[in-house]
Amino acid sequence: MYATFEEAKSAPSGLAVIGVFFQLTTDQAESSLSEMGNLFSSLGGLSDAGSNLNVTAFSPDVLLPQNKEKFFRYQGSLTIPPCTENVQWTVMRQPLRVTNEDVSFNSVF
């Protein structure tokens, strides 16, 4: 356990990242992120770096697929400079089904 992000990022295997693939669907009823709709729509309220936003509490479990036992794991690096090679990557095998509306928040950034 590390006290700060700075301490963790300088330690071998100090960081862990979980990745989840998205699979597009046109049926909102199939969306894995339907519970997240309010959060994602409120992200449009962010205008600048450093903006604050109050959000409703949610379970982070909704951001993971139902099958959490199948995943790929490997040692790798950060994807942004300085690309430090101390990351334990876990990439979930099962994608989350999402609609275009679910992921339209990325246009904010």
Protein backbone atom coordinates (compact mmCIF):
# COMPACT_ATOMS: atom_id res chain seq x y z
CA MET A 1 0.00 0.00 0.00
CA TYR A 2 1.24 3.44 -0.86
CA ALA A 3 0.43 6.72 0.84
CA THR A 4 0.35 8.79 -2.36
CA PHE A 5 0.07 8.37 -6.11
CA GLU A 6 3.59 9.78 -6.44
CA GLU A 7 4.93 7.03 -4.17
CA ALA A 8 3.04 4.30 -6.06
CA LYS A 9 4.08 5.45 -9.51
CA SER A 10 7.75 5.25 -8.58
CA ALA A 11 7.50 1.69 -7.17
CA PRO A 12 7.88 -1.48 -9.28
CA SER A 13 4.34 -2.79 -9.96
CA GLY A 14 3.07 0.18 -7.98
CA LEU A 15 0.09 0.94 -10.21
CA ALA A 16 -2.91 -1.13 -11.28
CA VAL A 17 -5.27 -0.32 -14.15
CA ILE A 18 -8.55 -2.06 -15.04
CA GLY A 19 -9.67 -1.78 -18.66
CA VAL A 20 -13.12 -2.59 -20.01
CA PHE A 21 -14.07 -2.76 -23.69
CA PHE A 22 -17.36 -1.23 -24.88
CA GLN A 23 -19.62 -2.84 -27.49
CA LEU A 24 -22.16 -0.51 -29.10
CA THR A 25 -25.86 -1.35 -29.11
CA THR A 26 -28.83 0.69 -30.31
CA ASP A 27 -31.13 -0.74 -27.63
CA GLN A 28 -30.99 1.29 -24.40
CA ALA A 29 -32.50 -1.71 -22.55
CA GLU A 30 -29.34 -3.70 -23.35
CA SER A 31 -27.03 -0.99 -22.06
CA SER A 32 -24.77 -2.01 -19.19
CA LEU A 33 -24.47 1.64 -18.22
CA SER A 34 -28.14 2.57 -17.98
CA GLU A 35 -27.66 3.21 -14.24
CA MET A 36 -24.90 5.64 -15.12
CA GLY A 37 -27.01 7.80 -17.44
CA ASN A 38 -27.44 10.63 -14.95
CA LEU A 39 -23.74 10.72 -14.20
CA PHE A 40 -22.71 10.78 -17.84
CA SER A 41 -25.26 13.40 -18.80
CA SER A 42 -24.10 15.62 -15.94
CA LEU A 43 -20.50 15.47 -17.23
CA GLY A 44 -21.63 17.94 -19.87
CA GLY A 45 -21.65 20.50 -17.04
CA LEU A 46 -17.85 20.40 -16.89
CA SER A 47 -16.38 23.24 -18.86
CA ASP A 48 -12.71 23.56 -17.93
CA ALA A 49 -9.92 21.61 -16.32
CA GLY A 50 -10.32 22.03 -12.58
CA SER A 51 -14.13 22.32 -12.74
CA ASN A 52 -16.06 20.70 -9.90
CA LEU A 53 -19.20 18.63 -10.22
CA ASN A 54 -21.46 17.07 -7.59
CA VAL A 55 -22.67 13.63 -8.64
CA THR A 56 -25.08 11.10 -7.21
CA ALA A 57 -23.47 8.12 -5.48
CA PHE A 58 -23.22 4.93 -7.54
CA SER A 59 -21.63 1.51 -7.22
CA PRO A 60 -18.39 1.23 -9.23
CA ASP A 61 -19.45 -2.36 -9.90
CA VAL A 62 -21.69 -1.09 -12.74
CA LEU A 63 -18.51 -0.15 -14.62
CA LEU A 64 -17.42 -3.81 -14.75
CA PRO A 65 -18.93 -6.69 -16.74
CA GLN A 66 -21.02 -9.35 -15.01
CA ASN A 67 -18.31 -11.95 -15.59
CA LYS A 68 -15.40 -10.67 -13.54
CA GLU A 69 -13.55 -13.99 -13.57
CA LYS A 70 -12.36 -13.80 -17.19
CA PHE A 71 -9.68 -11.22 -17.90
CA PHE A 72 -6.26 -10.70 -19.40
CA ARG A 73 -3.45 -9.58 -17.10
CA TYR A 74 0.00 -8.35 -17.96
CA GLN A 75 2.78 -6.06 -16.79
CA GLY A 76 2.98 -2.89 -18.83
CA SER A 77 3.38 0.84 -18.73
CA LEU A 78 1.41 4.02 -18.36
CA THR A 79 -0.12 5.11 -21.67
CA ILE A 80 0.94 8.73 -21.24
CA PRO A 81 4.40 10.21 -20.62
CA PRO A 82 6.54 9.32 -18.83
CA CYS A 83 5.18 5.85 -19.81
CA THR A 84 6.60 4.33 -16.63
CA GLU A 85 6.75 0.53 -16.85
CA ASN A 86 5.27 -0.28 -13.46
CA VAL A 87 1.61 -0.97 -14.23
CA GLN A 88 -0.26 -4.22 -13.65
CA TRP A 89 -2.94 -4.14 -16.36
CA THR A 90 -6.17 -6.12 -16.02
CA VAL A 91 -8.36 -6.04 -19.12
CA MET A 92 -11.81 -7.56 -18.73
CA ARG A 93 -12.65 -10.10 -21.42
CA GLN A 94 -16.42 -9.44 -21.55
CA PRO A 95 -17.34 -6.03 -23.01
CA LEU A 96 -19.98 -3.73 -21.58
CA ARG A 97 -22.85 -3.03 -23.97
CA VAL A 98 -23.41 0.70 -24.34
CA THR A 99 -25.32 3.11 -26.55
CA ASN A 100 -23.92 6.15 -28.33
CA GLU A 101 -25.77 8.27 -25.79
CA ASP A 102 -24.04 6.46 -22.92
CA VAL A 103 -20.61 7.39 -24.19
CA SER A 104 -21.33 10.79 -25.73
CA PHE A 105 -19.84 12.37 -22.58
CA ASN A 106 -16.38 11.94 -24.11
CA SER A 107 -17.13 14.84 -26.45
CA VAL A 108 -16.86 17.08 -23.37
CA PHE A 109 -13.18 16.29 -23.08
